[in-house]
Amino acid sequence: MEHPLGMPDVYADPDIHGGQPVVESGVPIYLILDMLAQGFPRDEMRDDYDVTEEHIRVALRFAAEYVKRAGSSVEHAHV
């Protein structure tokens, strides 16, 4: 099992969610970020997906590190 971006709290395994980065409980990072972006209540995230406050912090740190490392290589999209 790998640790994407060298983050020890994030895991990636081709046999788990197709290799998508996940937190230790197996919930994909993208799902946590998507739920936050959609305004899911945190208690619902906890009850339905076992997402803890620490999982949320890990997902946000991962997203920030990913964007930071992408830097200028990311194409700027017109919205």
PDB file of N, CA and C in Angstrom:
ATOM      1  N   MET A   1       0.848  -1.170   0.000  1.00  0.00           N
ATOM      2  CA  MET A   1       0.000   0.000   0.000  1.00  0.00           C
ATOM      3  C   MET A   1       0.899   1.240   0.000  1.00  0.00           C
ATOM      4  N   GLU A   2       0.584   2.186  -0.856  1.00  0.00           N
ATOM      5  CA  GLU A   2       1.376   3.408  -0.983  1.00  0.00           C
ATOM      6  C   GLU A   2       0.772   4.545  -0.163  1.00  0.00           C
ATOM      7  N   HIS A   3       1.595   5.560   0.055  1.00  0.00           N
ATOM      8  CA  HIS A   3       1.160   6.788   0.716  1.00  0.00           C
ATOM      9  C   HIS A   3       1.317   7.928  -0.292  1.00  0.00           C
ATOM     10  N   PRO A   4       0.255   8.271  -1.034  1.00  0.00           N
ATOM     11  CA  PRO A   4       0.348   9.341  -2.033  1.00  0.00           C
ATOM     12  C   PRO A   4       0.846  10.646  -1.421  1.00  0.00           C
ATOM     13  N   LEU A   5       1.678  11.333  -2.176  1.00  0.00           N
ATOM     14  CA  LEU A   5       2.280  12.604  -1.778  1.00  0.00           C
ATOM     15  C   LEU A   5       3.086  12.473  -0.491  1.00  0.00           C
ATOM     16  N   GLY A   6       3.456  11.245  -0.145  1.00  0.00           N
ATOM     17  CA  GLY A   6       4.247  11.022   1.057  1.00  0.00           C
ATOM     18  C   GLY A   6       3.487  11.270   2.348  1.00  0.00           C
ATOM     19  N   MET A   7       2.178  11.309   2.279  1.00  0.00           N
ATOM     20  CA  MET A   7       1.358  11.580   3.468  1.00  0.00           C
ATOM     21  C   MET A   7       1.021  10.264   4.163  1.00  0.00           C
ATOM     22  N   PRO A   8       1.503  10.070   5.390  1.00  0.00           N
ATOM     23  CA  PRO A   8       1.306   8.782   6.071  1.00  0.00           C
ATOM     24  C   PRO A   8      -0.140   8.451   6.417  1.00  0.00           C
ATOM     25  N   ASP A   9      -1.034   9.456   6.434  1.00  0.00           N
ATOM     26  CA  ASP A   9      -2.440   9.213   6.768  1.00  0.00           C
ATOM     27  C   ASP A   9      -3.307   8.964   5.547  1.00  0.00           C
ATOM     28  N   VAL A  10      -2.692   8.923   4.362  1.00  0.00           N
ATOM     29  CA  VAL A  10      -3.415   8.691   3.107  1.00  0.00           C
ATOM     30  C   VAL A  10      -2.845   7.421   2.482  1.00  0.00           C
ATOM     31  N   TYR A  11      -3.739   6.593   1.976  1.00  0.00           N
ATOM     32  CA  TYR A  11      -3.335   5.308   1.430  1.00  0.00           C
ATOM     33  C   TYR A  11      -3.867   5.143   0.008  1.00  0.00           C
ATOM     34  N   ALA A  12      -3.130   4.374  -0.789  1.00  0.00           N
ATOM     35  CA  ALA A  12      -3.594   4.042  -2.140  1.00  0.00           C
ATOM     36  C   ALA A  12      -3.210   2.598  -2.433  1.00  0.00           C
ATOM     37  N   ASP A  13      -4.178   1.853  -2.896  1.00  0.00           N
ATOM     38  CA  ASP A  13      -3.978   0.450  -3.238  1.00  0.00           C
ATOM     39  C   ASP A  13      -4.869   0.173  -4.445  1.00  0.00           C
ATOM     40  N   PRO A  14      -4.312  -0.404  -5.508  1.00  0.00           N
ATOM     41  CA  PRO A  14      -5.121  -0.668  -6.702  1.00  0.00           C
ATOM     42  C   PRO A  14      -6.360  -1.512  -6.426  1.00  0.00           C
ATOM     43  N   ASP A  15      -6.345  -2.289  -5.346  1.00  0.00           N
ATOM     44  CA  ASP A  15      -7.480  -3.156  -5.024  1.00  0.00           C
ATOM     45  C   ASP A  15      -8.546  -2.458  -4.185  1.00  0.00           C
ATOM     46  N   ILE A  16      -8.290  -1.195  -3.777  1.00  0.00           N
ATOM     47  CA  ILE A  16      -9.249  -0.440  -2.969  1.00  0.00           C
ATOM     48  C   ILE A  16      -9.648   0.808  -3.744  1.00  0.00           C
ATOM     49  N   HIS A  17     -10.903   0.889  -4.136  1.00  0.00           N
ATOM     50  CA  HIS A  17     -11.432   2.032  -4.898  1.00  0.00           C
ATOM     51  C   HIS A  17     -10.562   2.359  -6.114  1.00  0.00           C
ATOM     52  N   GLY A  18     -10.072   1.328  -6.783  1.00  0.00           N
ATOM     53  CA  GLY A  18      -9.299   1.514  -8.004  1.00  0.00           C
ATOM     54  C   GLY A  18      -8.019   2.309  -7.830  1.00  0.00           C
ATOM     55  N   GLY A  19      -7.475   2.317  -6.610  1.00  0.00           N
ATOM     56  CA  GLY A  19      -6.229   3.034  -6.364  1.00  0.00           C
ATOM     57  C   GLY A  19      -6.415   4.485  -5.974  1.00  0.00           C
ATOM     58  N   GLN A  20      -7.672   4.926  -5.843  1.00  0.00           N
ATOM     59  CA  GLN A  20      -7.936   6.302  -5.405  1.00  0.00           C
ATOM     60  C   GLN A  20      -7.363   6.498  -4.005  1.00  0.00           C
ATOM     61  N   PRO A  21      -6.823   7.681  -3.692  1.00  0.00           N
ATOM     62  CA  PRO A  21      -6.354   7.933  -2.325  1.00  0.00           C
ATOM     63  C   PRO A  21      -7.520   7.852  -1.338  1.00  0.00           C
ATOM     64  N   VAL A  22      -7.285   7.166  -0.221  1.00  0.00           N
ATOM     65  CA  VAL A  22      -8.298   6.988   0.812  1.00  0.00           C
ATOM     66  C   VAL A  22      -7.708   7.322   2.184  1.00  0.00           C
ATOM     67  N   VAL A  23      -8.591   7.610   3.148  1.00  0.00           N
ATOM     68  CA  VAL A  23      -8.160   7.748   4.539  1.00  0.00           C
ATOM     69  C   VAL A  23      -8.110   6.348   5.147  1.00  0.00           C
ATOM     70  N   GLU A  24      -7.625   6.232   6.383  1.00  0.00           N
ATOM     71  CA  GLU A  24      -7.392   4.917   6.994  1.00  0.00           C
ATOM     72  C   GLU A  24      -8.645   4.047   7.073  1.00  0.00           C
ATOM     73  N   SER A  25      -9.814   4.644   7.072  1.00  0.00           N
ATOM     74  CA  SER A  25     -11.051   3.853   7.126  1.00  0.00           C
ATOM     75  C   SER A  25     -11.463   3.324   5.758  1.00  0.00           C
ATOM     76  N   GLY A  26     -10.767   3.756   4.695  1.00  0.00           N
ATOM     77  CA  GLY A  26     -11.084   3.302   3.342  1.00  0.00           C
ATOM     78  C   GLY A  26     -11.987   4.236   2.566  1.00  0.00           C
ATOM     79  N   VAL A  27     -12.395   5.356   3.163  1.00  0.00           N
ATOM     80  CA  VAL A  27     -13.248   6.324   2.465  1.00  0.00           C
ATOM     81  C   VAL A  27     -12.364   7.140   1.514  1.00  0.00           C
ATOM     82  N   PRO A  28     -12.737   7.231   0.236  1.00  0.00           N
ATOM     83  CA  PRO A  28     -11.927   7.997  -0.711  1.00  0.00           C
ATOM     84  C   PRO A  28     -11.881   9.489  -0.356  1.00  0.00           C
ATOM     85  N   ILE A  29     -10.711  10.071  -0.562  1.00  0.00           N
ATOM     86  CA  ILE A  29     -10.514  11.501  -0.311  1.00  0.00           C
ATOM     87  C   ILE A  29     -11.502  12.317  -1.140  1.00  0.00           C
ATOM     88  N   TYR A  30     -11.677  11.947  -2.418  1.00  0.00           N
ATOM     89  CA  TYR A  30     -12.571  12.736  -3.274  1.00  0.00           C
ATOM     90  C   TYR A  30     -13.994  12.762  -2.717  1.00  0.00           C
ATOM     91  N   LEU A  31     -14.431  11.664  -2.095  1.00  0.00           N
ATOM     92  CA  LEU A  31     -15.785  11.606  -1.553  1.00  0.00           C
ATOM     93  C   LEU A  31     -15.930  12.557  -0.362  1.00  0.00           C
ATOM     94  N   ILE A  32     -14.934  12.586   0.502  1.00  0.00           N
ATOM     95  CA  ILE A  32     -14.964  13.500   1.643  1.00  0.00           C
ATOM     96  C   ILE A  32     -15.001  14.941   1.156  1.00  0.00           C
ATOM     97  N   LEU A  33     -14.144  15.284   0.202  1.00  0.00           N
ATOM     98  CA  LEU A  33     -14.109  16.647  -0.329  1.00  0.00           C
ATOM     99  C   LEU A  33     -15.415  17.006  -1.025  1.00  0.00           C
ATOM    100  N   ASP A  34     -15.969  16.063  -1.770  1.00  0.00           N
ATOM    101  CA  ASP A  34     -17.230  16.315  -2.465  1.00  0.00           C
ATOM    102  C   ASP A  34     -18.362  16.547  -1.471  1.00  0.00           C
ATOM    103  N   MET A  35     -18.419  15.741  -0.419  1.00  0.00           N
ATOM    104  CA  MET A  35     -19.467  15.933   0.590  1.00  0.00           C
ATOM    105  C   MET A  35     -19.329  17.292   1.263  1.00  0.00           C
ATOM    106  N   LEU A  36     -18.100  17.701   1.572  1.00  0.00           N
ATOM    107  CA  LEU A  36     -17.888  19.019   2.167  1.00  0.00           C
ATOM    108  C   LEU A  36     -18.345  20.120   1.215  1.00  0.00           C
ATOM    109  N   ALA A  37     -17.983  19.984  -0.061  1.00  0.00           N
ATOM    110  CA  ALA A  37     -18.343  21.000  -1.055  1.00  0.00           C
ATOM    111  C   ALA A  37     -19.862  21.106  -1.229  1.00  0.00           C
ATOM    112  N   GLN A  38     -20.565  19.993  -1.052  1.00  0.00           N
ATOM    113  CA  GLN A  38     -22.021  19.990  -1.198  1.00  0.00           C
ATOM    114  C   GLN A  38     -22.741  20.407   0.084  1.00  0.00           C
ATOM    115  N   GLY A  39     -21.976  20.627   1.148  1.00  0.00           N
ATOM    116  CA  GLY A  39     -22.577  21.082   2.389  1.00  0.00           C
ATOM    117  C   GLY A  39     -23.183  19.985   3.261  1.00  0.00           C
ATOM    118  N   PHE A  40     -22.711  18.744   3.074  1.00  0.00           N
ATOM    119  CA  PHE A  40     -23.212  17.666   3.926  1.00  0.00           C
ATOM    120  C   PHE A  40     -22.927  18.003   5.384  1.00  0.00           C
ATOM    121  N   PRO A  41     -23.876  17.782   6.264  1.00  0.00           N
ATOM    122  CA  PRO A  41     -23.604  17.967   7.697  1.00  0.00           C
ATOM    123  C   PRO A  41     -22.554  16.941   8.158  1.00  0.00           C
ATOM    124  N   ARG A  42     -21.655  17.390   9.003  1.00  0.00           N
ATOM    125  CA  ARG A  42     -20.584  16.495   9.449  1.00  0.00           C
ATOM    126  C   ARG A  42     -21.121  15.300  10.229  1.00  0.00           C
ATOM    127  N   ASP A  43     -22.211  15.487  10.964  1.00  0.00           N
ATOM    128  CA  ASP A  43     -22.756  14.337  11.690  1.00  0.00           C
ATOM    129  C   ASP A  43     -23.313  13.296  10.720  1.00  0.00           C
ATOM    130  N   GLU A  44     -23.839  13.743   9.581  1.00  0.00           N
ATOM    131  CA  GLU A  44     -24.313  12.806   8.560  1.00  0.00           C
ATOM    132  C   GLU A  44     -23.130  12.070   7.921  1.00  0.00           C
ATOM    133  N   MET A  45     -22.044  12.791   7.684  1.00  0.00           N
ATOM    134  CA  MET A  45     -20.837  12.159   7.139  1.00  0.00           C
ATOM    135  C   MET A  45     -20.335  11.090   8.117  1.00  0.00           C
ATOM    136  N   ARG A  46     -20.380  11.419   9.402  1.00  0.00           N
ATOM    137  CA  ARG A  46     -19.931  10.482  10.429  1.00  0.00           C
ATOM    138  C   ARG A  46     -20.853   9.259  10.484  1.00  0.00           C
ATOM    139  N   ASP A  47     -22.145   9.503  10.532  1.00  0.00           N
ATOM    140  CA  ASP A  47     -23.106   8.409  10.689  1.00  0.00           C
ATOM    141  C   ASP A  47     -23.184   7.509   9.453  1.00  0.00           C
ATOM    142  N   ASP A  48     -23.159   8.113   8.270  1.00  0.00           N
ATOM    143  CA  ASP A  48     -23.332   7.341   7.033  1.00  0.00           C
ATOM    144  C   ASP A  48     -22.041   6.742   6.491  1.00  0.00           C
ATOM    145  N   TYR A  49     -20.900   7.406   6.730  1.00  0.00           N
ATOM    146  CA  TYR A  49     -19.637   6.979   6.110  1.00  0.00           C
ATOM    147  C   TYR A  49     -18.500   6.778   7.110  1.00  0.00           C
ATOM    148  N   ASP A  50     -18.765   6.936   8.406  1.00  0.00           N
ATOM    149  CA  ASP A  50     -17.728   6.827   9.436  1.00  0.00           C
ATOM    150  C   ASP A  50     -16.589   7.815   9.219  1.00  0.00           C
ATOM    151  N   VAL A  51     -16.906   8.987   8.694  1.00  0.00           N
ATOM    152  CA  VAL A  51     -15.905  10.036   8.472  1.00  0.00           C
ATOM    153  C   VAL A  51     -15.768  10.849   9.758  1.00  0.00           C
ATOM    154  N   THR A  52     -14.535  10.915  10.267  1.00  0.00           N
ATOM    155  CA  THR A  52     -14.260  11.653  11.492  1.00  0.00           C
ATOM    156  C   THR A  52     -13.717  13.042  11.159  1.00  0.00           C
ATOM    157  N   GLU A  53     -13.616  13.881  12.164  1.00  0.00           N
ATOM    158  CA  GLU A  53     -13.005  15.206  11.971  1.00  0.00           C
ATOM    159  C   GLU A  53     -11.563  15.054  11.488  1.00  0.00           C
ATOM    160  N   GLU A  54     -10.853  14.049  11.982  1.00  0.00           N
ATOM    161  CA  GLU A  54      -9.472  13.818  11.531  1.00  0.00           C
ATOM    162  C   GLU A  54      -9.443  13.436  10.056  1.00  0.00           C
ATOM    163  N   HIS A  55     -10.383  12.628   9.595  1.00  0.00           N
ATOM    164  CA  HIS A  55     -10.451  12.276   8.172  1.00  0.00           C
ATOM    165  C   HIS A  55     -10.649  13.540   7.327  1.00  0.00           C
ATOM    166  N   ILE A  56     -11.501  14.436   7.809  1.00  0.00           N
ATOM    167  CA  ILE A  56     -11.746  15.691   7.087  1.00  0.00           C
ATOM    168  C   ILE A  56     -10.466  16.518   7.018  1.00  0.00           C
ATOM    169  N   ARG A  57      -9.755  16.623   8.132  1.00  0.00           N
ATOM    170  CA  ARG A  57      -8.486  17.375   8.127  1.00  0.00           C
ATOM    171  C   ARG A  57      -7.480  16.744   7.169  1.00  0.00           C
ATOM    172  N   VAL A  58      -7.392  15.422   7.176  1.00  0.00           N
ATOM    173  CA  VAL A  58      -6.469  14.720   6.280  1.00  0.00           C
ATOM    174  C   VAL A  58      -6.839  14.995   4.829  1.00  0.00           C
ATOM    175  N   ALA A  59      -8.128  14.921   4.492  1.00  0.00           N
ATOM    176  CA  ALA A  59      -8.574  15.164   3.116  1.00  0.00           C
ATOM    177  C   ALA A  59      -8.250  16.585   2.681  1.00  0.00           C
ATOM    178  N   LEU A  60      -8.472  17.550   3.550  1.00  0.00           N
ATOM    179  CA  LEU A  60      -8.167  18.942   3.209  1.00  0.00           C
ATOM    180  C   LEU A  60      -6.665  19.163   3.056  1.00  0.00           C
ATOM    181  N   ARG A  61      -5.872  18.557   3.935  1.00  0.00           N
ATOM    182  CA  ARG A  61      -4.406  18.677   3.802  1.00  0.00           C
ATOM    183  C   ARG A  61      -3.935  18.042   2.499  1.00  0.00           C
ATOM    184  N   PHE A  62      -4.511  16.884   2.151  1.00  0.00           N
ATOM    185  CA  PHE A  62      -4.138  16.209   0.913  1.00  0.00           C
ATOM    186  C   PHE A  62      -4.468  17.089  -0.293  1.00  0.00           C
ATOM    187  N   ALA A  63      -5.666  17.660  -0.306  1.00  0.00           N
ATOM    188  CA  ALA A  63      -6.078  18.513  -1.423  1.00  0.00           C
ATOM    189  C   ALA A  63      -5.158  19.729  -1.530  1.00  0.00           C
ATOM    190  N   ALA A  64      -4.832  20.348  -0.416  1.00  0.00           N
ATOM    191  CA  ALA A  64      -3.952  21.515  -0.436  1.00  0.00           C
ATOM    192  C   ALA A  64      -2.566  21.146  -0.956  1.00  0.00           C
ATOM    193  N   GLU A  65      -2.042  20.031  -0.514  1.00  0.00           N
ATOM    194  CA  GLU A  65      -0.712  19.591  -0.960  1.00  0.00           C
ATOM    195  C   GLU A  65      -0.739  19.241  -2.443  1.00  0.00           C
ATOM    196  N   TYR A  66      -1.802  18.609  -2.892  1.00  0.00           N
ATOM    197  CA  TYR A  66      -1.928  18.244  -4.299  1.00  0.00           C
ATOM    198  C   TYR A  66      -1.922  19.497  -5.184  1.00  0.00           C
ATOM    199  N   VAL A  67      -2.714  20.488  -4.799  1.00  0.00           N
ATOM    200  CA  VAL A  67      -2.788  21.728  -5.579  1.00  0.00           C
ATOM    201  C   VAL A  67      -1.458  22.476  -5.521  1.00  0.00           C
ATOM    202  N   LYS A  68      -0.857  22.504  -4.354  1.00  0.00           N
ATOM    203  CA  LYS A  68       0.429  23.192  -4.209  1.00  0.00           C
ATOM    204  C   LYS A  68       1.484  22.561  -5.107  1.00  0.00           C
ATOM    205  N   ARG A  69       1.531  21.246  -5.149  1.00  0.00           N
ATOM    206  CA  ARG A  69       2.524  20.553  -5.982  1.00  0.00           C
ATOM    207  C   ARG A  69       2.221  20.692  -7.460  1.00  0.00           C
ATOM    208  N   ALA A  70       0.943  20.810  -7.808  1.00  0.00           N
ATOM    209  CA  ALA A  70       0.581  20.980  -9.213  1.00  0.00           C
ATOM    210  C   ALA A  70       1.081  22.327  -9.725  1.00  0.00           C
ATOM    211  N   GLY A  71       1.058  23.331  -8.849  1.00  0.00           N
ATOM    212  CA  GLY A  71       1.590  24.657  -9.177  1.00  0.00           C
ATOM    213  C   GLY A  71       1.147  25.168 -10.512  1.00  0.00           C
ATOM    214  N   SER A  72       2.107  25.642 -11.264  1.00  0.00           N
ATOM    215  CA  SER A  72       1.812  26.261 -12.550  1.00  0.00           C
ATOM    216  C   SER A  72       1.535  25.239 -13.644  1.00  0.00           C
ATOM    217  N   SER A  73       1.674  23.951 -13.336  1.00  0.00           N
ATOM    218  CA  SER A  73       1.406  22.950 -14.378  1.00  0.00           C
ATOM    219  C   SER A  73      -0.084  22.738 -14.599  1.00  0.00           C
ATOM    220  N   VAL A  74      -0.897  23.291 -13.725  1.00  0.00           N
ATOM    221  CA  VAL A  74      -2.344  23.176 -13.891  1.00  0.00           C
ATOM    222  C   VAL A  74      -2.818  24.217 -14.903  1.00  0.00           C
ATOM    223  N   GLU A  75      -3.567  23.766 -15.893  1.00  0.00           N
ATOM    224  CA  GLU A  75      -4.101  24.727 -16.855  1.00  0.00           C
ATOM    225  C   GLU A  75      -5.206  25.523 -16.197  1.00  0.00           C
ATOM    226  N   HIS A  76      -5.221  26.801 -16.494  1.00  0.00           N
ATOM    227  CA  HIS A  76      -6.254  27.674 -15.927  1.00  0.00           C
ATOM    228  C   HIS A  76      -7.506  27.598 -16.794  1.00  0.00           C
ATOM    229  N   ALA A  77      -8.580  27.103 -16.180  1.00  0.00           N
ATOM    230  CA  ALA A  77      -9.838  26.966 -16.890  1.00  0.00           C
ATOM    231  C   ALA A  77     -10.648  28.253 -16.761  1.00  0.00           C
ATOM    232  N   HIS A  78     -11.330  28.597 -17.817  1.00  0.00           N
ATOM    233  CA  HIS A  78     -12.227  29.764 -17.770  1.00  0.00           C
ATOM    234  C   HIS A  78     -13.581  29.279 -17.271  1.00  0.00           C
ATOM    235  N   VAL A  79     -14.053  29.915 -16.247  1.00  0.00           N
ATOM    236  CA  VAL A  79     -15.338  29.512 -15.663  1.00  0.00           C
ATOM    237  C   VAL A  79     -16.417  30.456 -16.124  1.00  0.00           C
TER     238      VAL A  79
END
